[in-house]
C-alpha atoms as a PDB file:
ATOM      1  CA  MET A   1      50.974  35.508  -8.781  1.00  0.00           C
ATOM      2  CA  ASN A   2      52.871  37.227 -11.344  1.00  0.00           C
ATOM      3  CA  GLN A   3      51.219  37.074 -14.270  1.00  0.00           C
ATOM      4  CA  GLN A   4      52.712  34.120 -16.009  1.00  0.00           C
ATOM      5  CA  THR A   5      51.000  31.898 -13.712  1.00  0.00           C
ATOM      6  CA  LYS A   6      47.830  33.753 -13.875  1.00  0.00           C
ATOM      7  CA  TYR A   7      48.011  33.045 -17.616  1.00  0.00           C
ATOM      8  CA  GLY A   8      48.960  28.924 -17.302  1.00  0.00           C
ATOM      9  CA  GLU A   9      45.850  28.466 -14.680  1.00  0.00           C
ATOM     10  CA  VAL A  10      43.835  30.053 -16.829  1.00  0.00           C
ATOM     11  CA  ALA A  11      44.493  28.179 -19.841  1.00  0.00           C
ATOM     12  CA  ALA A  12      44.624  24.751 -17.940  1.00  0.00           C
ATOM     13  CA  ARG A  13      40.798  25.828 -16.789  1.00  0.00           C
ATOM     14  CA  ILE A  14      40.093  26.864 -20.843  1.00  0.00           C
ATOM     15  CA  ARG A  15      41.805  22.658 -21.016  1.00  0.00           C
ATOM     16  CA  ALA A  16      39.704  21.444 -18.750  1.00  0.00           C
ATOM     17  CA  ALA A  17      36.977  23.039 -20.499  1.00  0.00           C
ATOM     18  CA  TYR A  18      37.722  21.032 -24.063  1.00  0.00           C
ATOM     19  CA  ALA A  19      37.727  17.802 -22.063  1.00  0.00           C
ATOM     20  CA  GLY A  20      34.565  18.133 -20.799  1.00  0.00           C
ATOM     21  CA  THR A  21      35.295  19.310 -17.270  1.00  0.00           C
ATOM     22  CA  PRO A  22      32.975  22.051 -15.772  1.00  0.00           C
ATOM     23  CA  ILE A  23      33.772  25.537 -15.566  1.00  0.00           C
ATOM     24  CA  ALA A  24      33.074  28.825 -13.773  1.00  0.00           C
ATOM     25  CA  PRO A  25      33.000  31.631 -16.112  1.00  0.00           C
ATOM     26  CA  ILE A  26      36.915  32.686 -16.397  1.00  0.00           C
ATOM     27  CA  ARG A  27      36.114  36.561 -17.568  1.00  0.00           C
ATOM     28  CA  PRO A  28      36.400  37.232 -14.025  1.00  0.00           C
ATOM     29  CA  GLN A  29      40.288  36.266 -14.252  1.00  0.00           C
ATOM     30  CA  LEU A  30      40.885  38.819 -16.781  1.00  0.00           C
ATOM     31  CA  THR A  31      39.747  41.570 -16.053  1.00  0.00           C
ATOM     32  CA  ASP A  32      43.092  43.505 -16.531  1.00  0.00           C
ATOM     33  CA  LEU A  33      44.149  41.240 -19.458  1.00  0.00           C
ATOM     34  CA  ASP A  34      44.609  42.456 -22.752  1.00  0.00           C
ATOM     35  CA  VAL A  35      44.341  40.908 -26.528  1.00  0.00           C
ATOM     36  CA  ASP A  36      47.771  40.195 -26.428  1.00  0.00           C
ATOM     37  CA  ALA A  37      47.395  38.570 -22.422  1.00  0.00           C
ATOM     38  CA  ALA A  38      44.823  36.640 -24.080  1.00  0.00           C
ATOM     39  CA  TYR A  39      46.692  35.505 -26.522  1.00  0.00           C
ATOM     40  CA  ALA A  40      49.741  34.527 -24.592  1.00  0.00           C
ATOM     41  CA  ILE A  41      47.123  32.706 -23.177  1.00  0.00           C
ATOM     42  CA  GLN A  42      45.745  31.070 -26.267  1.00  0.00           C
ATOM     43  CA  GLN A  43      49.828  29.832 -26.520  1.00  0.00           C
ATOM     44  CA  GLU A  44      50.097  28.433 -23.776  1.00  0.00           C
ATOM     45  CA  ASN A  45      47.587  25.532 -24.968  1.00  0.00           C
ATOM     46  CA  THR A  46      48.755  25.548 -28.522  1.00  0.00           C
ATOM     47  CA  ALA A  47      52.141  24.821 -27.220  1.00  0.00           C
ATOM     48  CA  TYR A  48      50.547  21.996 -24.663  1.00  0.00           C
ATOM     49  CA  TRP A  49      48.551  20.608 -26.881  1.00  0.00           C
ATOM     50  CA  GLU A  50      51.800  20.302 -28.910  1.00  0.00           C
ATOM     51  CA  THR A  51      53.630  18.244 -26.427  1.00  0.00           C
ATOM     52  CA  GLU A  52      50.283  16.119 -26.535  1.00  0.00           C
ATOM     53  CA  GLY A  53      51.474  15.369 -30.175  1.00  0.00           C
ATOM     54  CA  ARG A  54      48.151  16.838 -31.467  1.00  0.00           C
ATOM     55  CA  ARG A  55      49.782  18.674 -35.561  1.00  0.00           C
ATOM     56  CA  LEU A  56      49.558  22.089 -36.258  1.00  0.00           C
ATOM     57  CA  VAL A  57      48.469  22.372 -39.633  1.00  0.00           C
ATOM     58  CA  GLY A  58      47.094  25.903 -40.757  1.00  0.00           C
ATOM     59  CA  SER A  59      45.976  28.657 -39.474  1.00  0.00           C
ATOM     60  CA  LYS A  60      42.937  30.288 -38.833  1.00  0.00           C
ATOM     61  CA  ILE A  61      41.586  33.750 -38.968  1.00  0.00           C
ATOM     62  CA  GLY A  62      38.079  35.820 -37.414  1.00  0.00           C
ATOM     63  CA  LEU A  63      36.381  38.838 -37.901  1.00  0.00           C
ATOM     64  CA  THR A  64      37.357  40.256 -41.249  1.00  0.00           C
ATOM     65  CA  SER A  65      34.323  41.738 -41.661  1.00  0.00           C
ATOM     66  CA  ARG A  66      34.085  45.455 -40.283  1.00  0.00           C
ATOM     67  CA  ALA A  67      30.755  45.183 -39.356  1.00  0.00           C
ATOM     68  CA  VAL A  68      31.379  42.374 -37.450  1.00  0.00           C
ATOM     69  CA  GLN A  69      33.581  43.766 -35.730  1.00  0.00           C
ATOM     70  CA  LYS A  70      30.986  46.982 -35.084  1.00  0.00           C
ATOM     71  CA  GLN A  71      29.395  44.735 -34.204  1.00  0.00           C
ATOM     72  CA  LEU A  72      31.086  42.717 -31.630  1.00  0.00           C
ATOM     73  CA  GLY A  73      32.862  45.763 -30.110  1.00  0.00           C
ATOM     74  CA  VAL A  74      35.963  45.119 -31.419  1.00  0.00           C
ATOM     75  CA  ASP A  75      38.636  46.852 -33.996  1.00  0.00           C
ATOM     76  CA  ARG A  76      41.077  44.401 -35.335  1.00  0.00           C
ATOM     77  CA  PRO A  77      40.197  40.638 -36.721  1.00  0.00           C
ATOM     78  CA  ASP A  78      41.191  37.647 -34.171  1.00  0.00           C
ATOM     79  CA  PHE A  79      43.390  34.362 -34.550  1.00  0.00           C
ATOM     80  CA  GLY A  80      44.248  31.103 -34.177  1.00  0.00           C
ATOM     81  CA  VAL A  81      45.398  27.564 -35.157  1.00  0.00           C
ATOM     82  CA  LEU A  82      44.222  24.590 -36.795  1.00  0.00           C
ATOM     83  CA  PHE A  83      45.255  21.272 -35.581  1.00  0.00           C
ATOM     84  CA  ALA A  84      44.902  17.997 -37.261  1.00  0.00           C
ATOM     85  CA  ASP A  85      42.118  16.277 -35.833  1.00  0.00           C
ATOM     86  CA  MET A  86      39.565  19.470 -36.157  1.00  0.00           C
ATOM     87  CA  ILE A  87      39.523  18.042 -39.590  1.00  0.00           C
ATOM     88  CA  VAL A  88      36.067  17.488 -41.056  1.00  0.00           C
ATOM     89  CA  ALA A  89      36.707  14.527 -43.998  1.00  0.00           C
ATOM     90  CA  GLU A  90      34.179  14.411 -46.577  1.00  0.00           C
ATOM     91  CA  ASP A  91      30.975  12.308 -45.688  1.00  0.00           C
ATOM     92  CA  GLU A  92      31.534  12.960 -41.599  1.00  0.00           C
ATOM     93  CA  PRO A  93      28.971  13.729 -39.380  1.00  0.00           C
ATOM     94  CA  VAL A  94      29.962  17.193 -37.424  1.00  0.00           C
ATOM     95  CA  ALA A  95      28.988  16.539 -33.843  1.00  0.00           C
ATOM     96  CA  VAL A  96      26.454  19.724 -32.757  1.00  0.00           C
ATOM     97  CA  GLY A  97      28.655  20.523 -30.520  1.00  0.00           C
ATOM     98  CA  ARG A  98      31.586  22.030 -33.126  1.00  0.00           C
ATOM     99  CA  VAL A  99      28.822  24.195 -34.657  1.00  0.00           C
ATOM    100  CA  LEU A 100      26.625  26.229 -31.604  1.00  0.00           C
ATOM    101  CA  GLN A 101      28.503  26.971 -28.011  1.00  0.00           C
ATOM    102  CA  PRO A 102      25.632  27.637 -26.014  1.00  0.00           C
ATOM    103  CA  LYS A 103      27.497  29.767 -22.703  1.00  0.00           C
ATOM    104  CA  ILE A 104      25.206  27.574 -19.882  1.00  0.00           C
ATOM    105  CA  GLU A 105      24.128  31.757 -18.361  1.00  0.00           C
ATOM    106  CA  SER A 106      21.793  31.063 -21.036  1.00  0.00           C
ATOM    107  CA  PHE A 107      20.587  28.155 -21.666  1.00  0.00           C
ATOM    108  CA  GLU A 108      18.712  25.815 -19.956  1.00  0.00           C
ATOM    109  CA  THR A 109      16.427  22.515 -20.588  1.00  0.00           C
ATOM    110  CA  LEU A 110      13.665  20.911 -19.370  1.00  0.00           C
ATOM    111  CA  ALA A 111      12.330  17.060 -19.637  1.00  0.00           C
ATOM    112  CA  THR A 112       9.138  15.002 -18.551  1.00  0.00           C
ATOM    113  CA  SER A 113      11.286  12.188 -17.144  1.00  0.00           C
ATOM    114  CA  ALA A 114      13.564  12.325 -14.510  1.00  0.00           C
ATOM    115  CA  THR A 115      15.523   8.903 -15.485  1.00  0.00           C
ATOM    116  CA  ARG A 116      15.112   8.849 -18.534  1.00  0.00           C
ATOM    117  CA  HIS A 117      17.143  11.336 -20.099  1.00  0.00           C
ATOM    118  CA  GLU A 118      18.633  13.090 -24.264  1.00  0.00           C
ATOM    119  CA  GLY A 119      20.594  15.715 -25.231  1.00  0.00           C
ATOM    120  CA  VAL A 120      22.950  17.848 -23.003  1.00  0.00           C
ATOM    121  CA  LEU A 121      20.896  16.453 -19.379  1.00  0.00           C
ATOM    122  CA  ARG A 122      23.021  13.179 -20.284  1.00  0.00           C
ATOM    123  CA  LEU A 123      26.177  14.632 -20.079  1.00  0.00           C
ATOM    124  CA  CYS A 124      25.023  15.618 -16.248  1.00  0.00           C
ATOM    125  CA  SER A 125      25.475  13.591 -13.138  1.00  0.00           C
ATOM    126  CA  HIS A 126      21.926  14.657 -10.898  1.00  0.00           C
ATOM    127  CA  ILE A 127      18.525  16.899 -12.812  1.00  0.00           C
ATOM    128  CA  SER A 128      16.466  18.729  -9.980  1.00  0.00           C
ATOM    129  CA  GLY A 129      12.965  17.342  -9.528  1.00  0.00           C
ATOM    130  CA  GLU A 130       9.963  19.331 -10.816  1.00  0.00           C
ATOM    131  CA  VAL A 131      10.263  22.887 -10.755  1.00  0.00           C
ATOM    132  CA  GLN A 132       7.836  25.240 -10.319  1.00  0.00           C
ATOM    133  CA  GLU A 133       9.066  27.922 -13.287  1.00  0.00           C
ATOM    134  CA  HIS A 134       7.081  25.967 -15.668  1.00  0.00           C
ATOM    135  CA  ALA A 135       3.475  25.192 -17.778  1.00  0.00           C
ATOM    136  CA  TYR A 136       3.335  29.194 -18.250  1.00  0.00           C
ATOM    137  CA  TRP A 137       3.571  31.898 -21.185  1.00  0.00           C
ATOM    138  CA  GLY A 138       6.573  32.515 -20.143  1.00  0.00           C
ATOM    139  CA  SER A 139       8.810  30.567 -18.320  1.00  0.00           C
ATOM    140  CA  ALA A 140      11.529  28.905 -21.025  1.00  0.00           C
ATOM    141  CA  ARG A 141      12.826  32.984 -20.381  1.00  0.00           C
ATOM    142  CA  ASP A 142      12.310  32.711 -16.517  1.00  0.00           C
ATOM    143  CA  ARG A 143      14.769  29.879 -16.542  1.00  0.00           C
ATOM    144  CA  ILE A 144      17.685  31.086 -18.638  1.00  0.00           C
ATOM    145  CA  PRO A 145      19.938  32.946 -15.202  1.00  0.00           C
ATOM    146  CA  SER A 146      20.710  35.216 -17.574  1.00  0.00           C
ATOM    147  CA  ALA A 147      17.334  36.736 -19.162  1.00  0.00           C
ATOM    148  CA  GLN A 148      16.851  37.779 -14.911  1.00  0.00           C
ATOM    149  CA  THR A 149      19.355  40.872 -15.795  1.00  0.00           C
ATOM    150  CA  ASP A 150      19.196  40.252 -20.017  1.00  0.00           C
ATOM    151  CA  PRO A 151      16.381  41.855 -22.176  1.00  0.00           C
ATOM    152  CA  LEU A 152      18.449  38.909 -24.649  1.00  0.00           C
ATOM    153  CA  ALA A 153      16.910  41.745 -27.672  1.00  0.00           C
ATOM    154  CA  PRO A 154      18.938  40.249 -31.176  1.00  0.00           C
ATOM    155  CA  SER A 155      21.651  42.437 -31.908  1.00  0.00           C
ATOM    156  CA  GLY A 156      23.547  43.642 -35.195  1.00  0.00           C
ATOM    157  CA  LYS A 157      21.653  41.458 -38.536  1.00  0.00           C
ATOM    158  CA  VAL A 158      22.136  38.705 -40.736  1.00  0.00           C
ATOM    159  CA  GLU A 159      25.402  38.685 -43.334  1.00  0.00           C
ATOM    160  CA  PHE A 160      26.431  36.038 -45.985  1.00  0.00           C
ATOM    161  CA  GLU A 161      30.266  35.487 -47.521  1.00  0.00           C
ATOM    162  CA  VAL A 162      29.679  33.243 -50.670  1.00  0.00           C
ATOM    163  CA  SER A 163      32.976  32.299 -51.917  1.00  0.00           C
ATOM    164  CA  GLY A 164      34.491  29.496 -54.566  1.00  0.00           C
ATOM    165  CA  PRO A 165      32.255  28.393 -58.584  1.00  0.00           C
ATOM    166  CA  VAL A 166      29.372  27.988 -58.640  1.00  0.00           C
ATOM    167  CA  THR A 167      29.847  23.846 -58.375  1.00  0.00           C
ATOM    168  CA  ALA A 168      31.749  24.027 -55.328  1.00  0.00           C
ATOM    169  CA  ARG A 169      29.652  27.220 -54.025  1.00  0.00           C
ATOM    170  CA  ARG A 170      31.008  27.383 -49.799  1.00  0.00           C
ATOM    171  CA  ILE A 171      28.255  30.062 -47.817  1.00  0.00           C
ATOM    172  CA  ARG A 172      29.570  31.860 -44.108  1.00  0.00           C
ATOM    173  CA  VAL A 173      26.816  33.162 -43.244  1.00  0.00           C
ATOM    174  CA  ARG A 174      28.015  35.022 -40.177  1.00  0.00           C
ATOM    175  CA  SER A 175      24.415  34.963 -37.528  1.00  0.00           C
ATOM    176  CA  HIS A 176      23.844  37.903 -35.101  1.00  0.00           C
ATOM    177  CA  GLY A 177      23.580  37.751 -31.358  1.00  0.00           C
ATOM    178  CA  ASN A 178      21.223  36.501 -29.626  1.00  0.00           C
ATOM    179  CA  VAL A 179      19.511  33.899 -32.161  1.00  0.00           C
ATOM    180  CA  CYS A 180      17.663  31.470 -30.109  1.00  0.00           C
ATOM    181  CA  VAL A 181      17.323  28.183 -31.068  1.00  0.00           C
ATOM    182  CA  ILE A 182      15.075  25.484 -29.332  1.00  0.00           C
ATOM    183  CA  ARG A 183      15.182  21.714 -29.556  1.00  0.00           C
ATOM    184  CA  SER A 184      12.083  19.802 -28.427  1.00  0.00           C
ATOM    185  CA  GLY A 185      11.785  16.401 -28.746  1.00  0.00           C
ATOM    186  CA  GLN A 186       9.278  13.381 -28.076  1.00  0.00           C
ATOM    187  CA  ASP A 187      10.009   9.350 -26.758  1.00  0.00           C
ATOM    188  CA  TRP A 188       7.617   7.491 -27.668  1.00  0.00           C
ATOM    189  CA  SER A 189       8.980   3.994 -27.575  1.00  0.00           C
ATOM    190  CA  ASP A 190       7.501   2.403 -24.006  1.00  0.00           C
ATOM    191  CA  SER A 191       4.116   3.886 -25.190  1.00  0.00           C
ATOM    192  CA  ALA A 192       1.342   1.148 -25.720  1.00  0.00           C
ATOM    193  CA  GLY A 193      -2.069   0.517 -26.251  1.00  0.00           C
ATOM    194  CA  ARG A 194      -4.509   4.381 -26.225  1.00  0.00           C
ATOM    195  CA  GLU A 195      -1.397   6.164 -24.920  1.00  0.00           C
ATOM    196  CA  ARG A 196       0.693   5.510 -28.301  1.00  0.00           C
ATOM    197  CA  GLU A 197      -3.232   5.845 -30.400  1.00  0.00           C
ATOM    198  CA  LEU A 198      -3.757   9.110 -28.614  1.00  0.00           C
ATOM    199  CA  TYR A 199       0.141  10.001 -29.952  1.00  0.00           C
ATOM    200  CA  LEU A 200       0.493   9.059 -32.762  1.00  0.00           C
ATOM    201  CA  GLN A 201      -3.196  10.077 -34.186  1.00  0.00           C
ATOM    202  CA  LYS A 202      -4.229  13.017 -32.342  1.00  0.00           C
ATOM    203  CA  MET A 203      -0.557  14.287 -30.462  1.00  0.00           C
ATOM    204  CA  GLU A 204       1.806  13.910 -33.486  1.00  0.00           C
ATOM    205  CA  PRO A 205       0.474  15.436 -36.776  1.00  0.00           C
ATOM    206  CA  VAL A 206      -0.466  18.247 -34.733  1.00  0.00           C
ATOM    207  CA  LEU A 207       2.664  18.355 -33.724  1.00  0.00           C
ATOM    208  CA  ARG A 208       4.150  18.412 -37.242  1.00  0.00           C
ATOM    209  CA  ARG A 209       1.665  20.612 -39.091  1.00  0.00           C
ATOM    210  CA  GLY A 210       2.888  23.634 -36.719  1.00  0.00           C
ATOM    211  CA  MET A 211       6.430  22.506 -37.506  1.00  0.00           C
ATOM    212  CA  ASP A 212       5.722  22.772 -41.212  1.00  0.00           C
ATOM    213  CA  PHE A 213       3.860  26.207 -40.926  1.00  0.00           C
ATOM    214  CA  LEU A 214       7.367  27.316 -38.377  1.00  0.00           C
ATOM    215  CA  ARG A 215       9.120  26.155 -42.378  1.00  0.00           C
ATOM    216  CA  ASP A 216       7.204  27.229 -44.234  1.00  0.00           C
ATOM    217  CA  GLY A 217       6.216  30.136 -43.208  1.00  0.00           C
ATOM    218  CA  ASP A 218       7.528  34.021 -43.532  1.00  0.00           C
ATOM    219  CA  PRO A 219      10.782  34.271 -41.050  1.00  0.00           C
ATOM    220  CA  ALA A 220       9.469  38.137 -41.082  1.00  0.00           C
ATOM    221  CA  VAL A 221       6.472  37.085 -39.858  1.00  0.00           C
ATOM    222  CA  THR A 222       6.850  34.238 -38.346  1.00  0.00           C
ATOM    223  CA  GLY A 223      10.291  35.458 -36.538  1.00  0.00           C
ATOM    224  CA  CYS A 224      11.541  31.580 -37.714  1.00  0.00           C
ATOM    225  CA  TYR A 225      14.780  31.162 -39.452  1.00  0.00           C
ATOM    226  CA  SER A 226      14.873  27.892 -39.840  1.00  0.00           C
ATOM    227  CA  CYS A 227      12.965  24.730 -39.116  1.00  0.00           C
ATOM    228  CA  ARG A 228      12.868  20.693 -39.438  1.00  0.00           C
ATOM    229  CA  TYR A 229      11.406  17.810 -38.109  1.00  0.00           C
ATOM    230  CA  ALA A 230      13.422  15.301 -38.070  1.00  0.00           C
ATOM    231  CA  ASP A 231      13.315  11.888 -37.394  1.00  0.00           C
ATOM    232  CA  VAL A 232      15.775   9.987 -34.773  1.00  0.00           C
ATOM    233  CA  LEU A 233      17.899   6.878 -35.934  1.00  0.00           C
ATOM    234  CA  ASP A 234      20.348   3.722 -34.444  1.00  0.00           C
ATOM    235  CA  ALA A 235      23.227   3.236 -35.985  1.00  0.00           C
ATOM    236  CA  SER A 236      21.666   1.470 -38.205  1.00  0.00           C
ATOM    237  CA  ALA A 237      20.296   4.432 -39.304  1.00  0.00           C
ATOM    238  CA  ARG A 238      16.812   2.674 -38.762  1.00  0.00           C
ATOM    239  CA  PRO A 239      14.257   5.072 -36.968  1.00  0.00           C
ATOM    240  CA  LEU A 240      13.895   4.730 -33.761  1.00  0.00           C
ATOM    241  CA  ASP A 241      10.500   5.632 -32.452  1.00  0.00           C
ATOM    242  CA  LYS A 242      11.505   8.879 -31.427  1.00  0.00           C
ATOM    243  CA  ARG A 243      11.433  12.475 -32.938  1.00  0.00           C
ATOM    244  CA  PHE A 244      12.643  16.246 -32.292  1.00  0.00           C
ATOM    245  CA  GLY A 245      12.258  19.524 -33.613  1.00  0.00           C
ATOM    246  CA  LEU A 246      15.092  22.023 -34.603  1.00  0.00           C
ATOM    247  CA  ALA A 247      14.033  26.020 -35.396  1.00  0.00           C
ATOM    248  CA  TRP A 248      16.444  29.190 -34.615  1.00  0.00           C
ATOM    249  CA  PHE A 249      14.299  32.174 -34.160  1.00  0.00           C
ATOM    250  CA  ARG A 250      15.680  36.206 -34.414  1.00  0.00           C
ATOM    251  CA  SER A 251      15.295  35.894 -30.840  1.00  0.00           C
ATOM    252  CA  LEU A 252      14.253  34.524 -27.262  1.00  0.00           C
ATOM    253  CA  HIS A 253      10.787  37.011 -27.835  1.00  0.00           C
ATOM    254  CA  ASP A 254      10.212  35.708 -31.229  1.00  0.00           C
ATOM    255  CA  LEU A 255       9.939  31.783 -30.494  1.00  0.00           C
ATOM    256  CA  GLU A 256       7.876  33.568 -26.692  1.00  0.00           C
ATOM    257  CA  ARG A 257       5.761  34.368 -29.490  1.00  0.00           C
ATOM    258  CA  TRP A 258       4.570  31.908 -31.154  1.00  0.00           C
ATOM    259  CA  SER A 259       4.619  30.019 -28.565  1.00  0.00           C
ATOM    260  CA  GLU A 260       2.135  32.038 -27.018  1.00  0.00           C
ATOM    261  CA  SER A 261      -0.829  33.125 -29.371  1.00  0.00           C
ATOM    262  CA  HIS A 262       0.084  31.767 -32.773  1.00  0.00           C
ATOM    263  CA  PRO A 263      -2.705  28.862 -33.855  1.00  0.00           C
ATOM    264  CA  THR A 264      -0.780  26.227 -34.143  1.00  0.00           C
ATOM    265  CA  HIS A 265       1.261  26.222 -30.966  1.00  0.00           C
ATOM    266  CA  LEU A 266      -1.752  26.845 -29.030  1.00  0.00           C
ATOM    267  CA  ALA A 267      -3.191  23.293 -30.931  1.00  0.00           C
ATOM    268  CA  ILE A 268      -0.094  21.770 -29.985  1.00  0.00           C
ATOM    269  CA  PHE A 269      -0.491  23.012 -26.282  1.00  0.00           C
ATOM    270  CA  ASN A 270      -4.382  21.786 -26.439  1.00  0.00           C
ATOM    271  CA  THR A 271      -3.886  18.555 -27.923  1.00  0.00           C
ATOM    272  CA  PHE A 272      -1.626  17.565 -25.107  1.00  0.00           C
ATOM    273  CA  MET A 273      -3.429  18.409 -22.266  1.00  0.00           C
ATOM    274  CA  GLU A 274      -6.130  16.867 -23.872  1.00  0.00           C
ATOM    275  CA  MET A 275      -4.078  13.475 -23.812  1.00  0.00           C
ATOM    276  CA  VAL A 276      -2.743  13.986 -20.102  1.00  0.00           C
ATOM    277  CA  GLN A 277      -5.938  14.527 -19.149  1.00  0.00           C
ATOM    278  CA  GLU A 278      -7.667  11.590 -21.084  1.00  0.00           C
ATOM    279  CA  LEU A 279      -4.384   9.282 -19.052  1.00  0.00           C
ATOM    280  CA  ASN A 280      -5.612  11.108 -16.065  1.00  0.00           C
ATOM    281  CA  GLY A 281      -1.088  12.514 -16.292  1.00  0.00           C
ATOM    282  CA  GLN A 282      -0.013   8.626 -16.315  1.00  0.00           C
ATOM    283  CA  LEU A 283       2.383   9.668 -19.461  1.00  0.00           C
ATOM    284  CA  THR A 284       5.162   6.619 -20.727  1.00  0.00           C
ATOM    285  CA  THR A 285       6.145   9.451 -23.386  1.00  0.00           C
ATOM    286  CA  GLN A 286       8.249  11.818 -22.978  1.00  0.00           C
ATOM    287  CA  PHE A 287       9.283  14.613 -24.597  1.00  0.00           C
ATOM    288  CA  TYR A 288      12.167  17.156 -23.452  1.00  0.00           C
ATOM    289  CA  HIS A 289      13.454  21.235 -24.706  1.00  0.00           C
ATOM    290  CA  GLU A 290      16.857  22.571 -25.202  1.00  0.00           C
ATOM    291  CA  VAL A 291      16.454  26.661 -25.490  1.00  0.00           C
ATOM    292  CA  SER A 292      19.982  28.356 -26.296  1.00  0.00           C
ATOM    293  CA  VAL A 293      20.670  31.844 -26.690  1.00  0.00           C
ATOM    294  CA  LEU A 294      23.928  32.570 -28.640  1.00  0.00           C
ATOM    295  CA  ALA A 295      26.030  35.326 -28.792  1.00  0.00           C
ATOM    296  CA  ALA A 296      27.278  35.546 -32.218  1.00  0.00           C
ATOM    297  CA  SER A 297      30.951  34.555 -31.674  1.00  0.00           C
ATOM    298  CA  GLU A 298      28.722  31.103 -30.209  1.00  0.00           C
ATOM    299  CA  GLN A 299      27.664  30.408 -33.910  1.00  0.00           C
ATOM    300  CA  ARG A 300      29.363  28.826 -36.862  1.00  0.00           C
ATOM    301  CA  LEU A 301      27.666  28.297 -39.162  1.00  0.00           C
ATOM    302  CA  GLU A 302      29.203  27.005 -43.330  1.00  0.00           C
ATOM    303  CA  TYR A 303      26.892  25.112 -45.850  1.00  0.00           C
ATOM    304  CA  LEU A 304      28.582  23.804 -49.153  1.00  0.00           C
ATOM    305  CA  ASN A 305      26.474  23.122 -52.545  1.00  0.00           C
ATOM    306  CA  CYS A 306      23.529  23.333 -50.478  1.00  0.00           C
ATOM    307  CA  HIS A 307      20.141  24.077 -51.844  1.00  0.00           C
ATOM    308  CA  PRO A 308      18.712  27.014 -51.035  1.00  0.00           C
ATOM    309  CA  SER A 309      16.028  26.856 -48.209  1.00  0.00           C
ATOM    310  CA  THR A 310      19.068  24.947 -45.511  1.00  0.00           C
ATOM    311  CA  GLY A 311      19.745  26.288 -42.877  1.00  0.00           C
ATOM    312  CA  LEU A 312      19.942  29.949 -42.725  1.00  0.00           C
ATOM    313  CA  LEU A 313      20.333  30.057 -46.052  1.00  0.00           C
ATOM    314  CA  ARG A 314      16.520  30.291 -46.364  1.00  0.00           C
ATOM    315  CA  LEU A 315      16.897  33.801 -45.390  1.00  0.00           C
ATOM    316  CA  GLN A 316      19.320  35.341 -47.896  1.00  0.00           C
ATOM    317  CA  THR A 317      16.118  33.435 -50.548  1.00  0.00           C
ATOM    318  CA  GLU A 318      13.858  35.687 -49.614  1.00  0.00           C
ATOM    319  CA  ARG A 319      15.878  37.882 -49.665  1.00  0.00           C
ATOM    320  CA  GLY A 320      16.665  37.843 -53.090  1.00  0.00           C
END
């Protein structure tokens, strides 16, 4: 196979991934390729997408910081193109998939329902049955493929790049490697009677206290960079009987440490088990979570005129 044919095959696989088709990692096909070859593959797809009607509107450059280059093991910036359909209009919602792009090898999700799916599970054609790697401290790590050979320790540090006048302050955050993000959700829309009462009067207040602790605690102590406890709304912005917590931890270890030892999470766990026991395990309330361990290159964080406690900006405030 000549190099041009190889470039074309890799480029086609990348396009399939953009279209939503799961593909195996392409790294094994790139072992003998250098940076110039990678840009040749990029150009293959740029030319293809132009023939499909996408319009070029600009270029982009990343990794301009020497410190970040050193952190990622590269010696030069990287370059790419911008298409018109990449532009996000003022007040337009931004899909979470455009912000976080975890590898499947460093991702795990778990749900109590085999039929009612939330989040990533909605994309799956099927899911597994019950798993043994559950209900013990450290089980999330056991469900993450890459954690079987990698401790997933944090690497590098969070850096801030500030630009623009005070009235239009834009801050780009360059996060470090192996940040751990968890989204943990609850759906009580089918619950009724005693179960609904138990959830709303006992379970939910304890859960909220745990989320508030992570939100307000010192990141240097908790290991949690940011936490938000969010209501899920319908298309008309009316709240549903669903919520989720979204938390960024310095590492998977920091999430594990809070989960297995801090009183706020132990209260969540114990209250849930009390609810399960009282209902003899017959719950209609659904629970799920998604855990991602993200490389620095898989995070894109940008804030425009945001409150200083928004997301990871909180770390800048904490550091003074």
